[in-house]
């Protein structure tokens, strides 16, 4: 019952993001603005048009991709929280579905961050590259996108006020679901989710460096 409720919440998240993005973001304008900023590019017109057509085609499935990403992320976060509960000896009678709910509820603040990003991009003069790198209230805002090394983009995006709020929500909802003290919940989230995020950032940086 509660698991189905969380899945419905995930679908709601994905639908809201898809609808707002569909009505506010003009992908073609972002890409053409990117081309103008880079000057003359040795790209045939037919290749460019084919690329845009491919982008439009796959964008039709963005709603499905969003749901899958939300589900996978929630399961991974739930697994991290369970590992924290296990080592703290609070894992007894704690099904993974309850921790899945915790992750889904906390995700609401990151959905708000995405909506803010879309609204800011739609009202500004952004290129496609700036659209991909911008994240509201993040450390990357203090740097020049054009000179920033690609390997530092994701870590700087991750250092933001919404991620901090997300961690606070994880602590709160874990406390409520498992019925443990706030301080104990804080330690479990910081050690389990924090270590997981650290490993994930290192992995992303490694793949970014090897794909350049």
Protein backbone atom coordinates (compact mmCIF):
# COMPACT_ATOMS: atom_id res chain seq x y z
CA UNK A 1 0.00 0.00 0.00
CA UNK A 2 2.66 2.51 1.09
CA UNK A 3 4.96 1.32 -1.70
CA UNK A 4 2.29 2.03 -4.31
CA UNK A 5 1.74 5.44 -2.77
CA UNK A 6 5.44 6.22 -3.21
CA UNK A 7 5.33 5.07 -6.83
CA UNK A 8 2.39 7.38 -7.48
CA UNK A 9 4.34 10.24 -5.91
CA UNK A 10 7.27 9.46 -8.23
CA UNK A 11 4.97 9.54 -11.26
CA UNK A 12 3.62 12.88 -10.02
CA UNK A 13 7.18 14.26 -9.73
CA UNK A 14 8.00 13.12 -13.27
CA UNK A 15 4.78 14.46 -14.81
CA UNK A 16 5.20 17.89 -13.19
CA UNK A 17 8.81 18.22 -14.36
CA UNK A 18 7.92 17.00 -17.86
CA UNK A 19 4.97 19.40 -18.20
CA UNK A 20 6.86 22.47 -16.92
CA UNK A 21 9.89 21.65 -19.08
CA UNK A 22 7.70 21.06 -22.16
CA UNK A 23 5.93 24.42 -21.88
CA UNK A 24 8.87 26.60 -20.77
CA UNK A 25 12.02 25.24 -22.41
CA UNK A 26 12.70 25.70 -26.13
CA UNK A 27 15.45 23.17 -26.79
CA UNK A 28 16.14 24.36 -30.33
CA UNK A 29 16.74 27.94 -29.16
CA UNK A 30 19.20 26.72 -26.51
CA UNK A 31 21.15 24.71 -29.08
CA UNK A 32 21.23 27.47 -31.71
CA UNK A 33 22.31 29.97 -29.06
CA UNK A 34 25.13 27.57 -28.18
CA UNK A 35 26.21 27.44 -31.83
CA UNK A 36 26.19 31.24 -32.09
CA UNK A 37 28.34 31.56 -28.97
CA UNK A 38 30.92 29.10 -30.34
CA UNK A 39 31.13 30.91 -33.67
CA UNK A 40 31.52 29.13 -37.00
CA UNK A 41 31.44 25.36 -36.58
CA UNK A 42 32.48 22.94 -39.28
CA UNK A 43 29.20 21.00 -39.04
CA UNK A 44 27.09 20.37 -42.16
CA UNK A 45 23.53 21.66 -41.90
CA UNK A 46 22.00 18.24 -42.51
CA UNK A 47 24.05 16.74 -39.67
CA UNK A 48 22.85 19.46 -37.33
CA UNK A 49 19.22 18.96 -38.33
CA UNK A 50 19.52 15.19 -37.92
CA UNK A 51 20.95 15.73 -34.45
CA UNK A 52 18.02 17.96 -33.51
CA UNK A 53 15.55 15.39 -34.84
CA UNK A 54 17.21 12.68 -32.75
CA UNK A 55 17.06 14.92 -29.69
CA UNK A 56 13.35 15.59 -30.25
CA UNK A 57 12.67 11.89 -30.73
CA UNK A 58 14.30 10.82 -27.47
CA UNK A 59 12.73 13.72 -25.58
CA UNK A 60 9.38 11.99 -26.11
CA UNK A 61 10.55 9.27 -23.71
CA UNK A 62 11.88 11.70 -21.09
CA UNK A 63 8.84 11.12 -18.87
CA UNK A 64 9.51 7.38 -18.75
CA UNK A 65 13.22 7.95 -18.20
CA UNK A 66 12.45 10.33 -15.32
CA UNK A 67 10.25 7.75 -13.58
CA UNK A 68 12.94 5.07 -13.95
CA UNK A 69 15.64 7.41 -12.64
CA UNK A 70 13.53 8.38 -9.63
CA UNK A 71 12.78 4.73 -8.83
CA UNK A 72 16.40 3.59 -9.16
CA UNK A 73 17.67 6.51 -7.10
CA UNK A 74 15.10 5.89 -4.35
CA UNK A 75 16.09 2.21 -4.17
CA UNK A 76 19.79 3.09 -3.98
CA UNK A 77 19.22 5.67 -1.25
CA UNK A 78 17.02 3.17 0.62
CA UNK A 79 19.80 0.58 0.38
CA UNK A 80 22.32 3.07 1.75
CA UNK A 81 20.02 3.95 4.64
CA UNK A 82 19.45 0.26 5.36
CA UNK A 83 23.20 -0.30 5.54
CA UNK A 84 23.41 2.56 8.03
CA UNK A 85 20.63 1.04 10.12
CA UNK A 86 22.34 -2.35 9.93
CA UNK A 87 25.64 -1.11 11.32
CA UNK A 88 23.78 0.90 13.97
CA UNK A 89 21.79 -2.26 14.87
CA UNK A 90 18.43 -0.63 14.06
CA UNK A 91 17.66 -2.77 11.02
CA UNK A 92 15.38 -5.29 12.74
CA UNK A 93 11.82 -5.28 11.37
CA UNK A 94 12.67 -2.45 8.99
CA UNK A 95 11.62 -3.42 5.44
CA UNK A 96 13.31 -1.73 2.53
CA UNK A 97 9.94 -0.37 1.38
CA UNK A 98 9.79 1.98 4.39
CA UNK A 99 13.21 3.37 3.55
CA UNK A 100 12.11 3.68 -0.07
CA UNK A 101 9.30 5.91 1.19
CA UNK A 102 11.82 8.03 3.10
CA UNK A 103 13.86 8.59 -0.07
CA UNK A 104 10.77 9.43 -2.16
CA UNK A 105 9.42 11.95 0.38
CA UNK A 106 12.80 13.69 0.68
CA UNK A 107 13.12 13.86 -3.12
CA UNK A 108 10.42 16.56 -3.17
CA UNK A 109 12.97 19.29 -2.40
CA UNK A 110 15.14 18.26 -5.37
CA UNK A 111 12.09 18.32 -7.63
CA UNK A 112 11.52 21.92 -6.52
CA UNK A 113 15.16 22.65 -7.41
CA UNK A 114 14.63 21.28 -10.93
CA UNK A 115 11.48 23.38 -11.39
CA UNK A 116 13.35 26.50 -10.25
CA UNK A 117 16.14 25.70 -12.71
CA UNK A 118 13.66 25.37 -15.58
CA UNK A 119 11.97 28.67 -14.73
CA UNK A 120 15.30 30.51 -14.45
CA UNK A 121 16.53 29.07 -17.75
CA UNK A 122 13.27 29.94 -19.53
CA UNK A 123 13.46 33.56 -18.39
CA UNK A 124 17.16 34.07 -19.14
CA UNK A 125 19.52 34.12 -22.09
CA UNK A 126 21.11 30.69 -21.66
CA UNK A 127 22.89 28.45 -24.15
CA UNK A 128 22.50 24.66 -24.10
CA UNK A 129 25.84 24.28 -22.31
CA UNK A 130 24.83 26.79 -19.64
CA UNK A 131 21.48 25.00 -19.30
CA UNK A 132 23.24 21.71 -18.57
CA UNK A 133 25.70 23.24 -16.09
CA UNK A 134 23.44 25.63 -14.20
CA UNK A 135 21.99 24.53 -10.85
CA UNK A 136 20.19 26.93 -8.51
CA UNK A 137 21.91 27.97 -5.28
CA UNK A 138 24.97 25.85 -6.05
CA UNK A 139 28.72 26.41 -5.84
CA UNK A 140 29.03 26.29 -9.63
CA UNK A 141 27.31 29.70 -9.81
CA UNK A 142 30.54 31.28 -8.52
CA UNK A 143 32.52 30.08 -11.54
CA UNK A 144 32.66 30.94 -15.22
CA UNK A 145 31.07 28.04 -17.12
CA UNK A 146 33.19 28.62 -20.20
CA UNK A 147 36.50 28.21 -18.36
CA UNK A 148 35.46 25.58 -15.82
CA UNK A 149 37.01 22.16 -16.34
CA UNK A 150 34.37 19.53 -17.09
CA UNK A 151 35.54 17.24 -14.30
CA UNK A 152 34.52 19.81 -11.66
CA UNK A 153 31.03 20.52 -13.02
CA UNK A 154 29.12 17.76 -11.22
CA UNK A 155 30.83 18.14 -7.82
CA UNK A 156 30.19 21.89 -7.86
CA UNK A 157 26.56 21.35 -8.89
CA UNK A 158 26.14 18.92 -6.01
CA UNK A 159 27.30 21.48 -3.45
CA UNK A 160 24.02 23.38 -3.17
CA UNK A 161 21.37 24.46 -0.66
CA UNK A 162 18.80 21.98 -1.98
CA UNK A 163 21.11 19.01 -1.43
CA UNK A 164 21.61 20.17 2.16
CA UNK A 165 17.84 20.43 2.58
CA UNK A 166 17.51 16.95 1.05
CA UNK A 167 19.84 15.52 3.71
CA UNK A 168 17.84 17.26 6.45
CA UNK A 169 14.62 15.75 5.05
CA UNK A 170 16.22 12.30 4.93
CA UNK A 171 17.13 12.67 8.59
CA UNK A 172 13.63 13.80 9.52
CA UNK A 173 11.70 11.18 7.56
CA UNK A 174 14.05 8.39 8.70
CA UNK A 175 13.48 9.49 12.29
CA UNK A 176 9.70 9.37 11.75
CA UNK A 177 9.61 6.05 9.87
CA UNK A 178 12.02 4.09 12.08
CA UNK A 179 11.14 5.96 15.29
CA UNK A 180 14.67 6.68 16.44
CA UNK A 181 16.16 9.81 18.08
CA UNK A 182 17.01 12.73 15.78
CA UNK A 183 20.71 12.60 16.63
CA UNK A 184 20.90 8.88 15.84
CA UNK A 185 19.03 9.44 12.58
CA UNK A 186 21.48 12.22 11.69
CA UNK A 187 24.48 9.97 12.23
CA UNK A 188 22.97 7.17 10.17
CA UNK A 189 22.13 9.46 7.22
CA UNK A 190 25.46 11.31 7.27
CA UNK A 191 27.55 8.13 7.45
CA UNK A 192 25.54 6.01 5.00
CA UNK A 193 24.21 8.50 2.44
CA UNK A 194 27.25 10.74 2.83
CA UNK A 195 29.68 7.89 2.11
CA UNK A 196 27.55 6.72 -0.81
CA UNK A 197 27.51 10.20 -2.35
CA UNK A 198 31.27 10.55 -1.90
CA UNK A 199 31.87 7.28 -3.78
CA UNK A 200 29.36 8.33 -6.47
CA UNK A 201 31.07 11.69 -7.04
CA UNK A 202 34.47 10.00 -7.35
CA UNK A 203 32.98 7.55 -9.87
CA UNK A 204 31.40 10.35 -11.94
CA UNK A 205 34.66 12.31 -11.95
CA UNK A 206 36.57 9.20 -13.02
CA UNK A 207 34.26 8.51 -15.97
CA UNK A 208 34.18 12.19 -16.93
CA UNK A 209 37.97 12.28 -17.02
CA UNK A 210 38.21 9.11 -19.11
CA UNK A 211 35.57 10.27 -21.62
CA UNK A 212 37.27 13.58 -22.36
